[in-house]
């Protein structure tokens, strides 16, 4: 795999919670990272914080997102901006996929 092109065939799926949540780190470089996250019905993205800014785009499904105590529903085509260090989490209402963008990159997502 190059530092510029990231074909799907070369990207491994990481299982975060068996039968519930998995992800693929898509393209990354400079200060940006793109991650596709797969959720089954009822899966939870536990509330957490990190020093990265994040944008999540709903590719499919339905999610209840909470950012700093404010909850909203994201459906296909909707997106949310999560400021650095904001407390946030999600609950998957209908199986789906999110496309998350982070800046700076989530080094904790990368394998050594």
PDB file of N, CA and C in Angstrom:
ATOM      1  N   UNK A   1       0.843  -1.177   0.000  1.00  0.00           N
ATOM      2  CA  UNK A   1       0.000   0.000   0.000  1.00  0.00           C
ATOM      3  C   UNK A   1       0.889   1.241   0.000  1.00  0.00           C
ATOM      4  N   UNK A   2       0.475   2.237  -0.765  1.00  0.00           N
ATOM      5  CA  UNK A   2       1.277   3.462  -0.847  1.00  0.00           C
ATOM      6  C   UNK A   2       0.882   4.427   0.264  1.00  0.00           C
ATOM      7  N   UNK A   3       1.542   5.566   0.284  1.00  0.00           N
ATOM      8  CA  UNK A   3       1.208   6.603   1.255  1.00  0.00           C
ATOM      9  C   UNK A   3       0.088   7.509   0.744  1.00  0.00           C
ATOM     10  N   UNK A   4      -0.383   7.246  -0.497  1.00  0.00           N
ATOM     11  CA  UNK A   4      -1.375   8.113  -1.114  1.00  0.00           C
ATOM     12  C   UNK A   4      -2.676   7.366  -1.434  1.00  0.00           C
ATOM     13  N   UNK A   5      -2.565   6.145  -1.944  1.00  0.00           N
ATOM     14  CA  UNK A   5      -3.735   5.365  -2.326  1.00  0.00           C
ATOM     15  C   UNK A   5      -3.971   4.249  -1.320  1.00  0.00           C
ATOM     16  N   UNK A   6      -5.245   4.009  -0.981  1.00  0.00           N
ATOM     17  CA  UNK A   6      -5.601   3.026   0.031  1.00  0.00           C
ATOM     18  C   UNK A   6      -6.721   2.123  -0.495  1.00  0.00           C
ATOM     19  N   UNK A   7      -6.387   1.162  -1.374  1.00  0.00           N
ATOM     20  CA  UNK A   7      -7.428   0.282  -1.918  1.00  0.00           C
ATOM     21  C   UNK A   7      -8.032  -0.599  -0.822  1.00  0.00           C
ATOM     22  N   UNK A   8      -9.334  -0.822  -0.932  1.00  0.00           N
ATOM     23  CA  UNK A   8     -10.048  -1.601   0.076  1.00  0.00           C
ATOM     24  C   UNK A   8      -9.426  -2.986   0.271  1.00  0.00           C
ATOM     25  N   UNK A   9      -8.967  -3.613  -0.796  1.00  0.00           N
ATOM     26  CA  UNK A   9      -8.400  -4.971  -0.706  1.00  0.00           C
ATOM     27  C   UNK A   9      -7.205  -5.041   0.250  1.00  0.00           C
ATOM     28  N   UNK A  10      -6.527  -3.935   0.471  1.00  0.00           N
ATOM     29  CA  UNK A  10      -5.355  -3.930   1.340  1.00  0.00           C
ATOM     30  C   UNK A  10      -5.638  -3.481   2.767  1.00  0.00           C
ATOM     31  N   UNK A  11      -6.908  -3.256   3.092  1.00  0.00           N
ATOM     32  CA  UNK A  11      -7.263  -2.732   4.415  1.00  0.00           C
ATOM     33  C   UNK A  11      -7.939  -3.828   5.239  1.00  0.00           C
ATOM     34  N   UNK A  12      -7.387  -4.087   6.406  1.00  0.00           N
ATOM     35  CA  UNK A  12      -7.957  -5.103   7.286  1.00  0.00           C
ATOM     36  C   UNK A  12      -9.055  -4.515   8.167  1.00  0.00           C
ATOM     37  N   UNK A  13     -10.039  -5.344   8.451  1.00  0.00           N
ATOM     38  CA  UNK A  13     -11.098  -4.963   9.371  1.00  0.00           C
ATOM     39  C   UNK A  13     -10.653  -5.311  10.783  1.00  0.00           C
ATOM     40  N   UNK A  14     -10.770  -4.342  11.685  1.00  0.00           N
ATOM     41  CA  UNK A  14     -10.435  -4.570  13.090  1.00  0.00           C
ATOM     42  C   UNK A  14     -11.737  -4.762  13.872  1.00  0.00           C
ATOM     43  N   UNK A  15     -11.859  -5.880  14.552  1.00  0.00           N
ATOM     44  CA  UNK A  15     -13.035  -6.160  15.368  1.00  0.00           C
ATOM     45  C   UNK A  15     -12.851  -5.468  16.717  1.00  0.00           C
ATOM     46  N   UNK A  16     -13.749  -4.565  17.040  1.00  0.00           N
ATOM     47  CA  UNK A  16     -13.681  -3.850  18.323  1.00  0.00           C
ATOM     48  C   UNK A  16     -14.525  -4.553  19.377  1.00  0.00           C
ATOM     49  N   UNK A  17     -15.722  -4.979  18.985  1.00  0.00           N
ATOM     50  CA  UNK A  17     -16.619  -5.757  19.842  1.00  0.00           C
ATOM     51  C   UNK A  17     -17.246  -6.812  18.939  1.00  0.00           C
ATOM     52  N   UNK A  18     -16.891  -8.076  19.117  1.00  0.00           N
ATOM     53  CA  UNK A  18     -17.387  -9.133  18.228  1.00  0.00           C
ATOM     54  C   UNK A  18     -18.914  -9.085  18.053  1.00  0.00           C
ATOM     55  N   UNK A  19     -19.351  -9.104  16.800  1.00  0.00           N
ATOM     56  CA  UNK A  19     -20.771  -9.082  16.486  1.00  0.00           C
ATOM     57  C   UNK A  19     -21.449  -7.751  16.707  1.00  0.00           C
ATOM     58  N   UNK A  20     -20.681  -6.713  17.092  1.00  0.00           N
ATOM     59  CA  UNK A  20     -21.273  -5.411  17.387  1.00  0.00           C
ATOM     60  C   UNK A  20     -20.635  -4.257  16.616  1.00  0.00           C
ATOM     61  N   UNK A  21     -19.310  -4.091  16.777  1.00  0.00           N
ATOM     62  CA  UNK A  21     -18.617  -2.937  16.191  1.00  0.00           C
ATOM     63  C   UNK A  21     -17.286  -3.373  15.607  1.00  0.00           C
ATOM     64  N   UNK A  22     -17.009  -2.897  14.385  1.00  0.00           N
ATOM     65  CA  UNK A  22     -15.701  -3.118  13.748  1.00  0.00           C
ATOM     66  C   UNK A  22     -15.346  -1.866  12.962  1.00  0.00           C
ATOM     67  N   UNK A  23     -14.077  -1.777  12.537  1.00  0.00           N
ATOM     68  CA  UNK A  23     -13.661  -0.591  11.781  1.00  0.00           C
ATOM     69  C   UNK A  23     -12.560  -0.917  10.789  1.00  0.00           C
ATOM     70  N   UNK A  24     -12.459  -0.027   9.797  1.00  0.00           N
ATOM     71  CA  UNK A  24     -11.374  -0.048   8.823  1.00  0.00           C
ATOM     72  C   UNK A  24     -10.764   1.346   8.795  1.00  0.00           C
ATOM     73  N   UNK A  25      -9.466   1.433   9.036  1.00  0.00           N
ATOM     74  CA  UNK A  25      -8.781   2.711   8.877  1.00  0.00           C
ATOM     75  C   UNK A  25      -8.578   2.879   7.376  1.00  0.00           C
ATOM     76  N   UNK A  26      -9.234   3.849   6.804  1.00  0.00           N
ATOM     77  CA  UNK A  26      -9.193   4.080   5.352  1.00  0.00           C
ATOM     78  C   UNK A  26      -7.944   4.897   5.008  1.00  0.00           C
ATOM     79  N   UNK A  27      -8.123   6.043   4.399  1.00  0.00           N
ATOM     80  CA  UNK A  27      -6.983   6.881   4.020  1.00  0.00           C
ATOM     81  C   UNK A  27      -6.481   7.675   5.228  1.00  0.00           C
ATOM     82  N   UNK A  28      -5.170   7.952   5.214  1.00  0.00           N
ATOM     83  CA  UNK A  28      -4.591   8.786   6.263  1.00  0.00           C
ATOM     84  C   UNK A  28      -3.306   9.403   5.739  1.00  0.00           C
ATOM     85  N   UNK A  29      -2.982  10.546   6.290  1.00  0.00           N
ATOM     86  CA  UNK A  29      -1.758  11.232   5.918  1.00  0.00           C
ATOM     87  C   UNK A  29      -1.798  12.654   6.439  1.00  0.00           C
ATOM     88  N   UNK A  30      -0.612  13.258   6.549  1.00  0.00           N
ATOM     89  CA  UNK A  30      -0.563  14.606   7.111  1.00  0.00           C
ATOM     90  C   UNK A  30      -1.195  14.579   8.484  1.00  0.00           C
ATOM     91  N   UNK A  31      -2.198  15.408   8.697  1.00  0.00           N
ATOM     92  CA  UNK A  31      -2.877  15.429   9.987  1.00  0.00           C
ATOM     93  C   UNK A  31      -4.269  14.807   9.934  1.00  0.00           C
ATOM     94  N   UNK A  32      -4.653  14.215   8.793  1.00  0.00           N
ATOM     95  CA  UNK A  32      -6.003  13.673   8.624  1.00  0.00           C
ATOM     96  C   UNK A  32      -6.038  12.153   8.642  1.00  0.00           C
ATOM     97  N   UNK A  33      -7.165  11.621   9.095  1.00  0.00           N
ATOM     98  CA  UNK A  33      -7.395  10.175   9.087  1.00  0.00           C
ATOM     99  C   UNK A  33      -8.877   9.934   8.809  1.00  0.00           C
ATOM    100  N   UNK A  34      -9.156   8.947   7.959  1.00  0.00           N
ATOM    101  CA  UNK A  34     -10.517   8.565   7.603  1.00  0.00           C
ATOM    102  C   UNK A  34     -10.743   7.132   8.063  1.00  0.00           C
ATOM    103  N   UNK A  35     -11.823   6.899   8.837  1.00  0.00           N
ATOM    104  CA  UNK A  35     -12.104   5.588   9.421  1.00  0.00           C
ATOM    105  C   UNK A  35     -13.570   5.236   9.178  1.00  0.00           C
ATOM    106  N   UNK A  36     -13.814   4.033   8.637  1.00  0.00           N
ATOM    107  CA  UNK A  36     -15.173   3.532   8.461  1.00  0.00           C
ATOM    108  C   UNK A  36     -15.481   2.609   9.641  1.00  0.00           C
ATOM    109  N   UNK A  37     -16.606   2.871  10.307  1.00  0.00           N
ATOM    110  CA  UNK A  37     -16.985   2.088  11.486  1.00  0.00           C
ATOM    111  C   UNK A  37     -18.329   1.420  11.212  1.00  0.00           C
ATOM    112  N   UNK A  38     -18.380   0.112  11.458  1.00  0.00           N
ATOM    113  CA  UNK A  38     -19.555  -0.710  11.190  1.00  0.00           C
ATOM    114  C   UNK A  38     -20.242  -1.057  12.514  1.00  0.00           C
ATOM    115  N   UNK A  39     -21.548  -0.803  12.612  1.00  0.00           N
ATOM    116  CA  UNK A  39     -22.314  -1.049  13.832  1.00  0.00           C
ATOM    117  C   UNK A  39     -23.501  -1.969  13.540  1.00  0.00           C
ATOM    118  N   UNK A  40     -23.781  -2.865  14.457  1.00  0.00           N
ATOM    119  CA  UNK A  40     -24.996  -3.672  14.417  1.00  0.00           C
ATOM    120  C   UNK A  40     -26.046  -2.998  15.296  1.00  0.00           C
ATOM    121  N   UNK A  41     -27.322  -3.394  15.118  1.00  0.00           N
ATOM    122  CA  UNK A  41     -28.407  -2.850  15.942  1.00  0.00           C
ATOM    123  C   UNK A  41     -28.049  -2.931  17.421  1.00  0.00           C
ATOM    124  N   UNK A  42     -28.244  -1.837  18.135  1.00  0.00           N
ATOM    125  CA  UNK A  42     -28.039  -1.820  19.574  1.00  0.00           C
ATOM    126  C   UNK A  42     -26.609  -1.621  20.032  1.00  0.00           C
ATOM    127  N   UNK A  43     -25.661  -1.633  19.102  1.00  0.00           N
ATOM    128  CA  UNK A  43     -24.256  -1.442  19.488  1.00  0.00           C
ATOM    129  C   UNK A  43     -24.065  -0.043  20.078  1.00  0.00           C
ATOM    130  N   UNK A  44     -23.151   0.028  21.024  1.00  0.00           N
ATOM    131  CA  UNK A  44     -22.885   1.285  21.735  1.00  0.00           C
ATOM    132  C   UNK A  44     -21.464   1.755  21.463  1.00  0.00           C
ATOM    133  N   UNK A  45     -21.334   3.014  21.132  1.00  0.00           N
ATOM    134  CA  UNK A  45     -20.039   3.694  21.131  1.00  0.00           C
ATOM    135  C   UNK A  45     -19.992   4.449  22.450  1.00  0.00           C
ATOM    136  N   UNK A  46     -19.379   3.857  23.457  1.00  0.00           N
ATOM    137  CA  UNK A  46     -19.362   4.401  24.812  1.00  0.00           C
ATOM    138  C   UNK A  46     -18.863   5.838  24.827  1.00  0.00           C
ATOM    139  N   UNK A  47     -19.485   6.664  25.670  1.00  0.00           N
ATOM    140  CA  UNK A  47     -19.053   8.057  25.777  1.00  0.00           C
ATOM    141  C   UNK A  47     -17.581   8.126  26.155  1.00  0.00           C
ATOM    142  N   UNK A  48     -16.883   9.039  25.489  1.00  0.00           N
ATOM    143  CA  UNK A  48     -15.448   9.192  25.703  1.00  0.00           C
ATOM    144  C   UNK A  48     -15.014  10.571  25.196  1.00  0.00           C
ATOM    145  N   UNK A  49     -13.771  10.907  25.441  1.00  0.00           N
ATOM    146  CA  UNK A  49     -13.173  12.130  24.912  1.00  0.00           C
ATOM    147  C   UNK A  49     -11.827  11.782  24.301  1.00  0.00           C
ATOM    148  N   UNK A  50     -11.350  12.637  23.427  1.00  0.00           N
ATOM    149  CA  UNK A  50     -10.004  12.546  22.870  1.00  0.00           C
ATOM    150  C   UNK A  50      -9.610  13.932  22.368  1.00  0.00           C
ATOM    151  N   UNK A  51      -8.318  14.180  22.214  1.00  0.00           N
ATOM    152  CA  UNK A  51      -7.869  15.523  21.841  1.00  0.00           C
ATOM    153  C   UNK A  51      -8.032  15.853  20.353  1.00  0.00           C
ATOM    154  N   UNK A  52      -8.644  14.962  19.595  1.00  0.00           N
ATOM    155  CA  UNK A  52      -8.800  15.132  18.149  1.00  0.00           C
ATOM    156  C   UNK A  52     -10.144  15.781  17.826  1.00  0.00           C
ATOM    157  N   UNK A  53     -10.179  16.607  16.798  1.00  0.00           N
ATOM    158  CA  UNK A  53     -11.452  17.036  16.234  1.00  0.00           C
ATOM    159  C   UNK A  53     -11.958  15.876  15.389  1.00  0.00           C
ATOM    160  N   UNK A  54     -13.275  15.723  15.319  1.00  0.00           N
ATOM    161  CA  UNK A  54     -13.862  14.599  14.596  1.00  0.00           C
ATOM    162  C   UNK A  54     -15.104  15.058  13.848  1.00  0.00           C
ATOM    163  N   UNK A  55     -15.274  14.545  12.642  1.00  0.00           N
ATOM    164  CA  UNK A  55     -16.522  14.678  11.906  1.00  0.00           C
ATOM    165  C   UNK A  55     -16.985  13.264  11.606  1.00  0.00           C
ATOM    166  N   UNK A  56     -18.246  12.963  11.926  1.00  0.00           N
ATOM    167  CA  UNK A  56     -18.830  11.660  11.604  1.00  0.00           C
ATOM    168  C   UNK A  56     -19.938  11.874  10.585  1.00  0.00           C
ATOM    169  N   UNK A  57     -19.892  11.090   9.510  1.00  0.00           N
ATOM    170  CA  UNK A  57     -20.887  11.131   8.435  1.00  0.00           C
ATOM    171  C   UNK A  57     -21.594   9.786   8.422  1.00  0.00           C
ATOM    172  N   UNK A  58     -22.910   9.781   8.465  1.00  0.00           N
ATOM    173  CA  UNK A  58     -23.685   8.548   8.471  1.00  0.00           C
ATOM    174  C   UNK A  58     -23.853   8.035   7.047  1.00  0.00           C
ATOM    175  N   UNK A  59     -23.155   6.932   6.745  1.00  0.00           N
ATOM    176  CA  UNK A  59     -23.256   6.295   5.432  1.00  0.00           C
ATOM    177  C   UNK A  59     -24.528   5.464   5.310  1.00  0.00           C
ATOM    178  N   UNK A  60     -24.948   4.864   6.418  1.00  0.00           N
ATOM    179  CA  UNK A  60     -26.138   4.004   6.433  1.00  0.00           C
ATOM    180  C   UNK A  60     -26.582   3.811   7.870  1.00  0.00           C
ATOM    181  N   UNK A  61     -27.861   3.513   8.069  1.00  0.00           N
ATOM    182  CA  UNK A  61     -28.378   3.196   9.394  1.00  0.00           C
ATOM    183  C   UNK A  61     -28.919   4.409  10.123  1.00  0.00           C
ATOM    184  N   UNK A  62     -29.032   4.250  11.443  1.00  0.00           N
ATOM    185  CA  UNK A  62     -29.548   5.317  12.302  1.00  0.00           C
ATOM    186  C   UNK A  62     -28.831   5.258  13.639  1.00  0.00           C
ATOM    187  N   UNK A  63     -28.422   6.420  14.131  1.00  0.00           N
ATOM    188  CA  UNK A  63     -27.634   6.520  15.355  1.00  0.00           C
ATOM    189  C   UNK A  63     -28.162   7.631  16.241  1.00  0.00           C
ATOM    190  N   UNK A  64     -28.160   7.401  17.546  1.00  0.00           N
ATOM    191  CA  UNK A  64     -28.436   8.444  18.531  1.00  0.00           C
ATOM    192  C   UNK A  64     -27.074   8.925  19.024  1.00  0.00           C
ATOM    193  N   UNK A  65     -26.694  10.120  18.620  1.00  0.00           N
ATOM    194  CA  UNK A  65     -25.404  10.696  19.003  1.00  0.00           C
ATOM    195  C   UNK A  65     -25.604  11.675  20.147  1.00  0.00           C
ATOM    196  N   UNK A  66     -24.709  11.635  21.117  1.00  0.00           N
ATOM    197  CA  UNK A  66     -24.707  12.619  22.197  1.00  0.00           C
ATOM    198  C   UNK A  66     -23.347  13.297  22.212  1.00  0.00           C
ATOM    199  N   UNK A  67     -23.367  14.626  22.160  1.00  0.00           N
ATOM    200  CA  UNK A  67     -22.149  15.433  22.221  1.00  0.00           C
ATOM    201  C   UNK A  67     -22.355  16.470  23.314  1.00  0.00           C
ATOM    202  N   UNK A  68     -21.509  16.373  24.356  1.00  0.00           N
ATOM    203  CA  UNK A  68     -21.591  17.305  25.481  1.00  0.00           C
ATOM    204  C   UNK A  68     -23.018  17.426  26.024  1.00  0.00           C
ATOM    205  N   UNK A  69     -23.692  16.270  26.169  1.00  0.00           N
ATOM    206  CA  UNK A  69     -25.015  16.247  26.772  1.00  0.00           C
ATOM    207  C   UNK A  69     -26.177  16.520  25.843  1.00  0.00           C
ATOM    208  N   UNK A  70     -25.916  16.870  24.598  1.00  0.00           N
ATOM    209  CA  UNK A  70     -26.973  17.136  23.622  1.00  0.00           C
ATOM    210  C   UNK A  70     -27.087  15.932  22.695  1.00  0.00           C
ATOM    211  N   UNK A  71     -28.306  15.378  22.573  1.00  0.00           N
ATOM    212  CA  UNK A  71     -28.526  14.178  21.772  1.00  0.00           C
ATOM    213  C   UNK A  71     -29.329  14.512  20.524  1.00  0.00           C
ATOM    214  N   UNK A  72     -28.912  13.897  19.407  1.00  0.00           N
ATOM    215  CA  UNK A  72     -29.611  14.067  18.138  1.00  0.00           C
ATOM    216  C   UNK A  72     -29.514  12.773  17.344  1.00  0.00           C
ATOM    217  N   UNK A  73     -30.472  12.557  16.460  1.00  0.00           N
ATOM    218  CA  UNK A  73     -30.485  11.368  15.608  1.00  0.00           C
ATOM    219  C   UNK A  73     -29.768  11.661  14.305  1.00  0.00           C
ATOM    220  N   UNK A  74     -28.865  10.758  13.947  1.00  0.00           N
ATOM    221  CA  UNK A  74     -28.197  10.827  12.643  1.00  0.00           C
ATOM    222  C   UNK A  74     -28.713   9.679  11.789  1.00  0.00           C
ATOM    223  N   UNK A  75     -29.129  10.020  10.571  1.00  0.00           N
ATOM    224  CA  UNK A  75     -29.564   9.037   9.587  1.00  0.00           C
ATOM    225  C   UNK A  75     -28.699   9.197   8.344  1.00  0.00           C
ATOM    226  N   UNK A  76     -28.848   8.294   7.420  1.00  0.00           N
ATOM    227  CA  UNK A  76     -28.061   8.323   6.187  1.00  0.00           C
ATOM    228  C   UNK A  76     -28.009   9.736   5.616  1.00  0.00           C
ATOM    229  N   UNK A  77     -26.782  10.218   5.393  1.00  0.00           N
ATOM    230  CA  UNK A  77     -26.571  11.547   4.834  1.00  0.00           C
ATOM    231  C   UNK A  77     -26.343  12.641   5.860  1.00  0.00           C
ATOM    232  N   UNK A  78     -26.606  12.350   7.135  1.00  0.00           N
ATOM    233  CA  UNK A  78     -26.410  13.342   8.197  1.00  0.00           C
ATOM    234  C   UNK A  78     -24.973  13.284   8.713  1.00  0.00           C
ATOM    235  N   UNK A  79     -24.534  14.364   9.337  1.00  0.00           N
ATOM    236  CA  UNK A  79     -23.181  14.406   9.892  1.00  0.00           C
ATOM    237  C   UNK A  79     -23.166  15.215  11.188  1.00  0.00           C
ATOM    238  N   UNK A  80     -22.076  15.053  11.928  1.00  0.00           N
ATOM    239  CA  UNK A  80     -21.906  15.759  13.197  1.00  0.00           C
ATOM    240  C   UNK A  80     -20.439  16.150  13.343  1.00  0.00           C
ATOM    241  N   UNK A  81     -20.198  17.337  13.891  1.00  0.00           N
ATOM    242  CA  UNK A  81     -18.841  17.787  14.225  1.00  0.00           C
ATOM    243  C   UNK A  81     -18.663  17.629  15.724  1.00  0.00           C
ATOM    244  N   UNK A  82     -17.559  17.007  16.122  1.00  0.00           N
ATOM    245  CA  UNK A  82     -17.250  16.804  17.536  1.00  0.00           C
ATOM    246  C   UNK A  82     -15.960  17.560  17.849  1.00  0.00           C
ATOM    247  N   UNK A  83     -16.045  18.626  18.622  1.00  0.00           N
ATOM    248  CA  UNK A  83     -14.850  19.402  18.957  1.00  0.00           C
ATOM    249  C   UNK A  83     -13.843  18.576  19.764  1.00  0.00           C
ATOM    250  N   UNK A  84     -12.598  18.983  19.723  1.00  0.00           N
ATOM    251  CA  UNK A  84     -11.553  18.329  20.516  1.00  0.00           C
ATOM    252  C   UNK A  84     -11.961  18.317  21.982  1.00  0.00           C
ATOM    253  N   UNK A  85     -11.754  17.192  22.636  1.00  0.00           N
ATOM    254  CA  UNK A  85     -12.002  16.987  24.066  1.00  0.00           C
ATOM    255  C   UNK A  85     -13.469  17.005  24.475  1.00  0.00           C
ATOM    256  N   UNK A  86     -14.401  17.022  23.515  1.00  0.00           N
ATOM    257  CA  UNK A  86     -15.829  16.990  23.850  1.00  0.00           C
ATOM    258  C   UNK A  86     -16.240  15.568  24.226  1.00  0.00           C
ATOM    259  N   UNK A  87     -17.039  15.433  25.272  1.00  0.00           N
ATOM    260  CA  UNK A  87     -17.575  14.141  25.670  1.00  0.00           C
ATOM    261  C   UNK A  87     -18.642  13.742  24.649  1.00  0.00           C
ATOM    262  N   UNK A  88     -18.502  12.544  24.065  1.00  0.00           N
ATOM    263  CA  UNK A  88     -19.436  12.108  23.032  1.00  0.00           C
ATOM    264  C   UNK A  88     -19.546  10.586  22.998  1.00  0.00           C
ATOM    265  N   UNK A  89     -20.651  10.125  22.443  1.00  0.00           N
ATOM    266  CA  UNK A  89     -20.885   8.701  22.284  1.00  0.00           C
ATOM    267  C   UNK A  89     -22.084   8.491  21.378  1.00  0.00           C
ATOM    268  N   UNK A  90     -22.352   7.223  21.027  1.00  0.00           N
ATOM    269  CA  UNK A  90     -23.477   6.935  20.152  1.00  0.00           C
ATOM    270  C   UNK A  90     -24.091   5.592  20.485  1.00  0.00           C
ATOM    271  N   UNK A  91     -25.351   5.452  20.102  1.00  0.00           N
ATOM    272  CA  UNK A  91     -26.052   4.169  20.190  1.00  0.00           C
ATOM    273  C   UNK A  91     -26.657   3.915  18.822  1.00  0.00           C
ATOM    274  N   UNK A  92     -26.376   2.745  18.268  1.00  0.00           N
ATOM    275  CA  UNK A  92     -26.887   2.394  16.955  1.00  0.00           C
ATOM    276  C   UNK A  92     -28.330   1.915  17.081  1.00  0.00           C
ATOM    277  N   UNK A  93     -29.242   2.597  16.400  1.00  0.00           N
ATOM    278  CA  UNK A  93     -30.662   2.269  16.435  1.00  0.00           C
ATOM    279  C   UNK A  93     -31.011   1.306  15.309  1.00  0.00           C
ATOM    280  N   UNK A  94     -30.380   1.455  14.148  1.00  0.00           N
ATOM    281  CA  UNK A  94     -30.557   0.566  13.001  1.00  0.00           C
ATOM    282  C   UNK A  94     -29.176   0.328  12.409  1.00  0.00           C
ATOM    283  N   UNK A  95     -28.803  -0.935  12.226  1.00  0.00           N
ATOM    284  CA  UNK A  95     -27.461  -1.304  11.751  1.00  0.00           C
ATOM    285  C   UNK A  95     -26.991  -0.345  10.667  1.00  0.00           C
ATOM    286  N   UNK A  96     -25.719   0.053  10.761  1.00  0.00           N
ATOM    287  CA  UNK A  96     -25.227   1.021   9.802  1.00  0.00           C
ATOM    288  C   UNK A  96     -23.737   1.224   9.860  1.00  0.00           C
ATOM    289  N   UNK A  97     -23.301   2.264   9.138  1.00  0.00           N
ATOM    290  CA  UNK A  97     -21.875   2.580   9.026  1.00  0.00           C
ATOM    291  C   UNK A  97     -21.683   4.080   9.166  1.00  0.00           C
ATOM    292  N   UNK A  98     -20.608   4.429   9.871  1.00  0.00           N
ATOM    293  CA  UNK A  98     -20.191   5.824   9.991  1.00  0.00           C
ATOM    294  C   UNK A  98     -18.845   5.997   9.307  1.00  0.00           C
ATOM    295  N   UNK A  99     -18.637   7.137   8.711  1.00  0.00           N
ATOM    296  CA  UNK A  99     -17.340   7.511   8.166  1.00  0.00           C
ATOM    297  C   UNK A  99     -16.812   8.635   9.047  1.00  0.00           C
ATOM    298  N   UNK A 100     -15.786   8.320   9.847  1.00  0.00           N
ATOM    299  CA  UNK A 100     -15.216   9.271  10.797  1.00  0.00           C
ATOM    300  C   UNK A 100     -13.933   9.873  10.237  1.00  0.00           C
ATOM    301  N   UNK A 101     -13.808  11.178  10.368  1.00  0.00           N
ATOM    302  CA  UNK A 101     -12.595  11.890   9.992  1.00  0.00           C
ATOM    303  C   UNK A 101     -12.014  12.510  11.249  1.00  0.00           C
ATOM    304  N   UNK A 102     -10.724  12.325  11.445  1.00  0.00           N
ATOM    305  CA  UNK A 102     -10.042  12.855  12.626  1.00  0.00           C
ATOM    306  C   UNK A 102      -8.878  13.741  12.219  1.00  0.00           C
ATOM    307  N   UNK A 103      -8.668  14.792  12.993  1.00  0.00           N
ATOM    308  CA  UNK A 103      -7.455  15.577  12.889  1.00  0.00           C
ATOM    309  C   UNK A 103      -7.056  15.993  14.295  1.00  0.00           C
ATOM    310  N   UNK A 104      -5.824  15.800  14.721  1.00  0.00           N
ATOM    311  CA  UNK A 104      -4.810  15.032  14.005  1.00  0.00           C
ATOM    312  C   UNK A 104      -5.187  13.545  13.965  1.00  0.00           C
ATOM    313  N   UNK A 105      -4.361  12.765  13.292  1.00  0.00           N
ATOM    314  CA  UNK A 105      -4.615  11.334  13.174  1.00  0.00           C
ATOM    315  C   UNK A 105      -4.713  10.678  14.544  1.00  0.00           C
ATOM    316  N   UNK A 106      -5.503   9.617  14.627  1.00  0.00           N
ATOM    317  CA  UNK A 106      -5.621   8.823  15.847  1.00  0.00           C
ATOM    318  C   UNK A 106      -4.495   7.793  15.855  1.00  0.00           C
ATOM    319  N   UNK A 107      -3.375   8.160  16.406  1.00  0.00           N
ATOM    320  CA  UNK A 107      -2.237   7.241  16.464  1.00  0.00           C
ATOM    321  C   UNK A 107      -2.593   5.956  17.205  1.00  0.00           C
ATOM    322  N   UNK A 108      -3.532   6.055  18.165  1.00  0.00           N
ATOM    323  CA  UNK A 108      -3.954   4.873  18.912  1.00  0.00           C
ATOM    324  C   UNK A 108      -4.702   3.861  18.045  1.00  0.00           C
ATOM    325  N   UNK A 109      -5.140   4.266  16.860  1.00  0.00           N
ATOM    326  CA  UNK A 109      -5.822   3.347  15.939  1.00  0.00           C
ATOM    327  C   UNK A 109      -4.826   2.563  15.075  1.00  0.00           C
ATOM    328  N   UNK A 110      -3.582   2.983  15.057  1.00  0.00           N
ATOM    329  CA  UNK A 110      -2.588   2.381  14.163  1.00  0.00           C
ATOM    330  C   UNK A 110      -1.834   1.274  14.879  1.00  0.00           C
ATOM    331  N   UNK A 111      -1.623   0.204  14.167  1.00  0.00           N
ATOM    332  CA  UNK A 111      -0.848  -0.918  14.726  1.00  0.00           C
ATOM    333  C   UNK A 111       0.638  -0.648  14.500  1.00  0.00           C
ATOM    334  N   UNK A 112       1.452  -1.035  15.465  1.00  0.00           N
ATOM    335  CA  UNK A 112       2.919  -0.841  15.349  1.00  0.00           C
ATOM    336  C   UNK A 112       3.510  -1.832  14.378  1.00  0.00           C
TER     337      UNK A 112
END
